[in-house]
Amino acid sequence: MKFIVMIFLILCVNLGFSQNTFSYLGTLILSNNTPISFSLELQENNGIVNGYSTTNINTADETKSEISGLYFKKDKSFQLQETQILQTKSEAALNTFCFISMNLSFKGRIGTKRMEGNFTGNFLDSTECASGKIILMERTKLEKKIKKIKNKIDKKYNKIYKDTSLVRKTQILKDGDDFTINWEGNKLRLFIWDANMEDGDKIELTINGNIILDDFETTNKRKKIKYKLVEGENIIEIKATNLGSSPPNTSHIELVDNKTKYPIITQLKLGKTAIIKIINK
């Protein structure tokens, strides 16, 4: 009896080691270069593969389909087929769904393993509906990369807006307008850019009579300026020196102190000026 139990346990262990789980995330790239988000969750047991795919992830057309196929250990490749829809958010008729067949293989080094290959899609009546490439990466590795990029962006954002907790209402300043701000601290961070279509707008920026930017062309790239304020009143002047190809001259400005961000938009005619007064107590 003990001998039989031992054989049973050995078989169970061997079966456990022969089963592999794959979780990959990436994209389908159609023949017209349109990308569609795509993921695979697979289990392989002695060359037999079962699982599911998900397309159009986190959209109104997200669809989960059953997958079956084969894994060839010798060349580390898969032949897979979507067989039926398990779940969908789409309201489209079943005969409009495209079921894909794919040939995939592992690429890259072990530490950066990814899965790539080609696919074709067919309607239920076998008419071809799509074709293209598949590029996938291990879900955990891809999520780590995404998290790393997000942390990098957050770090950069926090560096720009460190200690900023309040965003004021956007002020629009036109020819001759002025706007007064009561300031905290003696340091000013100013960002200026063109958030619309770049059209050749140029400005002159003066702080307390000192020309900081002379005939400066604003673009979609934010220009950062640091300035130490004097005690009392500080005057910032923005003058339109060129209207570009789409008047008026428009600039987006953000002023940042220790706790607050002040967004401002200037809309100026040629030669006209808007004034921002900063009261540093």
Protein backbone atom coordinates (compact mmCIF):
# COMPACT_ATOMS: atom_id res chain seq x y z
CA MET A 1 0.00 0.00 0.00
CA LYS A 2 2.84 2.40 0.91
CA PHE A 3 4.50 1.56 -2.44
CA ILE A 4 1.32 2.54 -4.34
CA VAL A 5 0.99 5.81 -2.40
CA MET A 6 4.63 6.64 -3.16
CA ILE A 7 4.13 6.04 -6.90
CA PHE A 8 1.04 8.26 -6.82
CA LEU A 9 2.97 11.09 -5.13
CA ILE A 10 5.82 10.82 -7.65
CA LEU A 11 3.34 11.03 -10.53
CA CYS A 12 1.73 14.10 -8.98
CA VAL A 13 5.11 15.81 -8.61
CA ASN A 14 6.06 15.00 -12.20
CA LEU A 15 2.74 16.33 -13.47
CA GLY A 16 3.23 19.51 -11.46
CA PHE A 17 6.66 20.14 -12.97
CA SER A 18 5.41 19.50 -16.52
CA GLN A 19 2.85 22.31 -16.29
CA ASN A 20 3.92 25.86 -17.17
CA THR A 21 2.01 29.11 -16.77
CA PHE A 22 2.47 32.07 -19.13
CA SER A 23 1.14 35.60 -18.56
CA TYR A 24 1.99 38.02 -21.36
CA LEU A 25 0.83 41.54 -22.21
CA GLY A 26 1.36 43.64 -25.33
CA THR A 27 -0.25 44.49 -28.64
CA LEU A 28 -1.60 43.24 -31.93
CA ILE A 29 -0.32 45.34 -34.83
CA LEU A 30 -2.68 45.17 -37.81
CA SER A 31 -1.37 45.23 -41.37
CA ASN A 32 -2.29 48.95 -41.55
CA ASN A 33 -0.15 49.55 -38.39
CA THR A 34 -3.15 50.03 -36.10
CA PRO A 35 -2.29 48.77 -32.59
CA ILE A 36 -4.79 46.82 -30.44
CA SER A 37 -4.04 46.00 -26.82
CA PHE A 38 -3.75 42.27 -26.26
CA SER A 39 -2.88 39.81 -23.50
CA LEU A 40 -2.48 36.06 -23.11
CA GLU A 41 -2.97 33.89 -20.02
CA LEU A 42 -1.89 30.35 -20.83
CA GLN A 43 -1.26 27.01 -19.16
CA GLU A 44 0.88 24.41 -20.91
CA ASN A 45 0.84 20.75 -19.90
CA ASN A 46 2.99 18.31 -21.88
CA GLY A 47 2.69 20.43 -25.02
CA ILE A 48 -1.08 21.03 -24.75
CA VAL A 49 -1.99 24.69 -24.21
CA ASN A 50 -5.23 26.16 -22.86
CA GLY A 51 -6.15 29.59 -21.58
CA TYR A 52 -7.64 32.88 -22.75
CA SER A 53 -6.82 36.07 -24.59
CA THR A 54 -8.07 39.61 -23.98
CA THR A 55 -8.31 42.27 -26.69
CA ASN A 56 -9.14 46.00 -26.49
CA ILE A 57 -8.18 45.99 -22.82
CA ASN A 58 -10.04 48.53 -20.61
CA THR A 59 -12.22 49.78 -23.48
CA ALA A 60 -15.90 49.48 -24.36
CA ASP A 61 -14.99 46.60 -26.73
CA GLU A 62 -12.90 44.55 -24.30
CA THR A 63 -13.30 40.88 -25.18
CA LYS A 64 -12.09 37.70 -23.49
CA SER A 65 -11.75 34.60 -25.72
CA GLU A 66 -10.88 31.00 -25.05
CA ILE A 67 -7.49 29.85 -26.37
CA SER A 68 -6.27 26.36 -27.22
CA GLY A 69 -3.23 25.07 -29.04
CA LEU A 70 0.20 23.48 -28.88
CA TYR A 71 3.63 24.29 -27.47
CA PHE A 72 6.73 22.94 -29.20
CA LYS A 73 9.52 22.70 -26.66
CA LYS A 74 12.24 22.07 -29.24
CA ASP A 75 11.99 25.51 -30.84
CA LYS A 76 10.05 27.19 -27.98
CA SER A 77 7.11 28.10 -30.18
CA PHE A 78 3.31 28.14 -29.92
CA GLN A 79 0.47 27.48 -32.34
CA LEU A 80 -2.66 28.99 -30.82
CA GLN A 81 -6.29 29.56 -31.84
CA GLU A 82 -9.13 31.59 -30.33
CA THR A 83 -12.04 29.16 -30.19
CA GLN A 84 -14.93 31.02 -28.59
CA ILE A 85 -15.87 34.22 -26.78
CA LEU A 86 -15.97 33.87 -23.01
CA GLN A 87 -16.93 37.44 -22.16
CA THR A 88 -17.27 40.77 -23.95
CA LYS A 89 -18.32 44.35 -23.24
CA SER A 90 -19.07 44.92 -26.93
CA GLU A 91 -22.65 45.03 -28.18
CA ALA A 92 -21.65 43.97 -31.70
CA ALA A 93 -23.20 40.89 -33.30
CA LEU A 94 -21.30 37.61 -32.86
CA ASN A 95 -20.74 37.20 -36.60
CA THR A 96 -18.71 40.45 -36.63
CA PHE A 97 -16.10 39.14 -34.17
CA CYS A 98 -12.69 38.25 -35.56
CA PHE A 99 -11.15 35.06 -34.11
CA ILE A 100 -7.38 34.93 -34.48
CA SER A 101 -4.89 32.14 -35.07
CA MET A 102 -1.30 32.83 -34.12
CA ASN A 103 2.20 31.46 -34.35
CA LEU A 104 4.42 32.76 -31.57
CA SER A 105 7.94 32.13 -30.34
CA PHE A 106 10.18 33.42 -27.58
CA LYS A 107 12.68 36.14 -28.46
CA GLY A 108 15.49 37.88 -26.63
CA ARG A 109 17.63 36.93 -23.71
CA ILE A 110 16.18 35.13 -20.70
CA GLY A 111 16.19 38.30 -18.62
CA THR A 112 14.26 40.24 -21.27
CA LYS A 113 12.20 37.44 -22.76
CA ARG A 114 9.36 38.45 -25.02
CA MET A 115 6.97 36.63 -27.33
CA GLU A 116 6.56 37.60 -30.98
CA GLY A 117 4.89 36.25 -34.07
CA ASN A 118 2.22 36.62 -36.72
CA PHE A 119 -1.53 36.20 -36.68
CA THR A 120 -4.48 35.93 -39.03
CA GLY A 121 -8.09 36.52 -38.09
CA ASN A 122 -11.28 34.99 -39.45
CA PHE A 123 -15.00 35.52 -39.02
CA LEU A 124 -17.18 32.55 -38.07
CA ASP A 125 -17.77 31.91 -41.78
CA SER A 126 -13.98 31.55 -42.27
CA THR A 127 -13.65 34.83 -44.18
CA GLU A 128 -10.35 36.52 -43.32
CA CYS A 129 -10.86 39.69 -41.32
CA ALA A 130 -7.39 40.69 -40.10
CA SER A 131 -3.69 39.92 -40.16
CA GLY A 132 -0.56 41.32 -38.63
CA LYS A 133 2.06 40.92 -35.94
CA ILE A 134 1.97 40.25 -32.21
CA ILE A 135 4.49 41.63 -29.72
CA LEU A 136 4.18 40.56 -26.08
CA MET A 137 6.23 40.80 -22.91
CA GLU A 138 5.92 38.97 -19.62
CA ARG A 139 3.21 40.79 -17.71
CA THR A 140 5.26 41.20 -14.52
CA LYS A 141 8.25 42.59 -16.42
CA LEU A 142 6.10 44.96 -18.47
CA GLU A 143 4.23 46.18 -15.39
CA LYS A 144 7.58 46.84 -13.69
CA LYS A 145 8.71 48.86 -16.72
CA ILE A 146 5.44 50.83 -16.74
CA LYS A 147 5.75 51.47 -13.00
CA LYS A 148 9.35 52.61 -13.46
CA ILE A 149 8.34 55.06 -16.20
CA LYS A 150 5.39 56.32 -14.11
CA ASN A 151 7.66 56.86 -11.09
CA LYS A 152 10.10 58.76 -13.30
CA ILE A 153 7.31 61.01 -14.60
CA ASP A 154 5.90 61.53 -11.08
CA LYS A 155 9.37 62.36 -9.78
CA LYS A 156 9.87 64.95 -12.52
CA TYR A 157 6.39 66.40 -11.92
CA ASN A 158 6.96 66.59 -8.16
CA LYS A 159 10.31 68.25 -8.73
CA ILE A 160 8.63 70.94 -10.83
CA TYR A 161 5.73 71.47 -8.48
CA LYS A 162 7.35 70.63 -5.14
CA ASP A 163 5.31 71.94 -2.19
CA THR A 164 2.55 73.09 -4.54
CA SER A 165 -0.83 72.07 -3.11
CA LEU A 166 -3.27 74.61 -4.55
CA VAL A 167 -4.06 75.52 -8.16
CA ARG A 168 -5.77 78.87 -8.69
CA LYS A 169 -8.34 79.63 -11.38
CA THR A 170 -6.81 80.41 -14.78
CA GLN A 171 -6.58 84.15 -15.48
CA ILE A 172 -6.83 85.50 -19.04
CA LEU A 173 -4.96 88.76 -19.63
CA LYS A 174 -5.44 90.88 -22.76
CA ASP A 175 -3.97 94.17 -23.98
CA GLY A 176 -3.18 96.42 -20.99
CA ASP A 177 -4.65 94.05 -18.38
CA ASP A 178 -2.89 93.51 -15.07
CA PHE A 179 -3.20 90.90 -12.34
CA THR A 180 -1.94 91.12 -8.74
CA ILE A 181 -0.74 88.19 -6.65
CA ASN A 182 0.13 88.15 -2.95
CA TRP A 183 3.23 85.96 -2.81
CA GLU A 184 4.68 83.61 -0.20
CA GLY A 185 8.47 83.52 -0.09
CA ASN A 186 11.03 85.37 -2.20
CA LYS A 187 11.53 82.77 -4.93
CA LEU A 188 9.64 82.70 -8.22
CA ARG A 189 9.39 79.80 -10.66
CA LEU A 190 7.87 80.82 -13.98
CA PHE A 191 6.99 78.51 -16.87
CA ILE A 192 6.02 79.87 -20.27
CA TRP A 193 5.02 78.01 -23.44
CA ASP A 194 2.56 77.85 -26.33
CA ALA A 195 0.01 75.14 -25.48
CA ASN A 196 -1.76 75.55 -28.82
CA MET A 197 -0.40 75.01 -32.34
CA GLU A 198 3.09 76.47 -32.68
CA ASP A 199 2.67 79.42 -35.05
CA GLY A 200 5.70 81.66 -34.48
CA ASP A 201 4.44 83.82 -31.57
CA LYS A 202 7.27 85.82 -29.98
CA ILE A 203 7.32 87.71 -26.70
CA GLU A 204 9.50 89.93 -24.56
CA LEU A 205 9.48 89.06 -20.86
CA THR A 206 10.65 91.66 -18.37
CA ILE A 207 10.88 91.35 -14.57
CA ASN A 208 11.46 94.52 -12.53
CA GLY A 209 12.79 96.27 -15.62
CA ASN A 210 15.24 93.48 -16.49
CA ILE A 211 14.73 91.80 -19.87
CA ILE A 212 14.67 88.06 -19.19
CA LEU A 213 13.50 86.89 -22.63
CA ASP A 214 14.03 89.05 -25.71
CA ASP A 215 11.99 88.35 -28.86
CA PHE A 216 11.55 84.79 -27.56
CA GLU A 217 9.52 82.35 -29.69
CA THR A 218 7.15 80.32 -27.55
CA THR A 219 6.79 76.64 -28.45
CA ASN A 220 5.09 73.59 -26.96
CA LYS A 221 8.22 73.03 -24.86
CA ARG A 222 7.93 74.72 -21.48
CA LYS A 223 10.57 77.36 -20.76
CA LYS A 224 11.49 77.48 -17.07
CA ILE A 225 12.71 80.65 -15.35
CA LYS A 226 13.85 81.09 -11.75
CA TYR A 227 13.95 84.55 -10.21
CA LYS A 228 14.64 85.97 -6.76
CA LEU A 229 12.00 88.54 -5.90
CA VAL A 230 12.62 91.80 -4.11
CA GLU A 231 10.64 92.78 -1.05
CA GLY A 232 7.43 94.60 -1.87
CA GLU A 233 6.13 94.96 -5.44
CA ASN A 234 7.60 93.02 -8.36
CA ILE A 235 6.45 93.72 -11.93
CA ILE A 236 6.36 91.09 -14.69
CA GLU A 237 5.62 92.39 -18.21
CA ILE A 238 4.76 90.19 -21.18
CA LYS A 239 4.91 92.04 -24.52
CA ALA A 240 3.92 90.65 -27.94
CA THR A 241 6.77 91.19 -30.42
CA ASN A 242 5.41 88.93 -33.18
CA LEU A 243 1.88 87.63 -33.79
CA GLY A 244 2.93 84.52 -35.71
CA SER A 245 0.66 83.07 -38.35
CA SER A 246 -2.46 82.93 -36.16
CA PRO A 247 -3.14 86.14 -34.18
CA PRO A 248 -3.43 87.08 -31.41
CA ASN A 249 -0.13 86.35 -29.66
CA THR A 250 -1.00 83.67 -27.07
CA SER A 251 1.20 82.47 -24.22
CA HIS A 252 0.50 80.08 -21.37
CA ILE A 253 2.21 81.01 -18.12
CA GLU A 254 2.43 79.31 -14.73
CA LEU A 255 3.77 81.08 -11.67
CA VAL A 256 4.67 78.80 -8.76
CA ASP A 257 5.41 79.75 -5.15
CA ASN A 258 5.84 77.55 -2.08
CA LYS A 259 2.21 76.45 -1.93
CA THR A 260 0.30 77.67 -4.97
CA LYS A 261 0.31 77.49 -8.77
CA TYR A 262 -1.13 80.44 -10.74
CA PRO A 263 -2.06 79.58 -14.37
CA ILE A 264 -2.31 82.57 -16.73
CA ILE A 265 -3.05 82.94 -20.44
CA THR A 266 -2.07 86.12 -22.31
CA GLN A 267 -3.81 87.11 -25.56
CA LEU A 268 -2.09 90.15 -27.02
CA LYS A 269 -2.02 92.29 -30.14
CA LEU A 270 1.31 93.28 -31.65
CA GLY A 271 3.27 95.61 -29.35
CA LYS A 272 0.74 95.31 -26.52
CA THR A 273 1.62 94.31 -22.96
CA ALA A 274 0.04 92.47 -20.03
CA ILE A 275 1.32 93.01 -16.50
CA ILE A 276 1.52 90.69 -13.50
CA LYS A 277 2.20 92.33 -10.13
CA ILE A 278 3.67 90.15 -7.38
CA ILE A 279 3.51 91.50 -3.86
CA ASN A 280 6.25 89.90 -1.79
CA LYS A 281 5.55 90.68 1.86
